[in-house]
Amino acid sequence: MPLNGLIRVNLIGTALSNQQVANTFYVGELSSNSAPSYDKLQGVAEDLYTWLGTQYRATIHDATTFNRIECHQVADPTVVPPELTLKYVKTVDLPGTRAQSGSTITAQQECALLAFATGIASRKFRGHNFLPPALDIAALNGANWSSTSTYWLSCVQYKARIEAGIEGASSRWTGPELGNWVLVQYSRKARLDGQAWVQTTQAVTLSPEIRWLRSRSKGTI
């Protein structure tokens, strides 16, 4: 069976170069003793779009696209051969809403970095998202992002929506299904090592430094 109470969320978009931009994070239903059903996958995806879809689109240049939200069951890596898992796809296919105010950045991979931390001092339980690229030279301030730029401010607003998934947040994310889930970090290696494999996210930070998207496979950044 897929892992109990764990969903992998992918926010998928398309950059100017037609490469894919994918932001992945995990949510957990901490009291669950079963894998999430298709209905739960659907509920989380639909609620996430309601909760953060507007803010995520605002990080995306208006010449690029927010394609979809995917919610996946997570396969148990200790099961051999690998098992089939369910996923739900929330189709969006809408352009970003962030207008450009300067010329286009030559290095189109320049982006902001969102980092996820837990209470465990181990790389196994840290995560990060390379957010959609800025593309706008007006967003730059040397090696950092301009704190008054539309790009930076939109990333700040998106961060506020995503960190509302932290367990015990002062203002929690809402939704008929999403309200039952919290932001977590999953470690495949910890699962294979027989250790606790999920930890709740304790903090979400947005780096002011310019970062670079990197390709891990053809057509994906």
Foldseek 3Di string as FASTA:
>chain_A
DFDWFKKKKWFWKADPVRFIFIFIFMKGLVPTPHWDDPVLQVQQQVLCCVQQVLLLLLLFEQVIWRFWMKIWGHWQPVDPPTDDTDMDIGGDGHGRDHYADAAFDPQQFKFKKKKWAFPDPDPLWIDMGGGHGNRHPQQDDPQFGDCPDSNNVSVVVSQVSQQLLAVPPPRHRDGPNSVSIHTWGAGSVCSVVVHDGIGTTDDMDIDRGIDGDDDPDPRHD
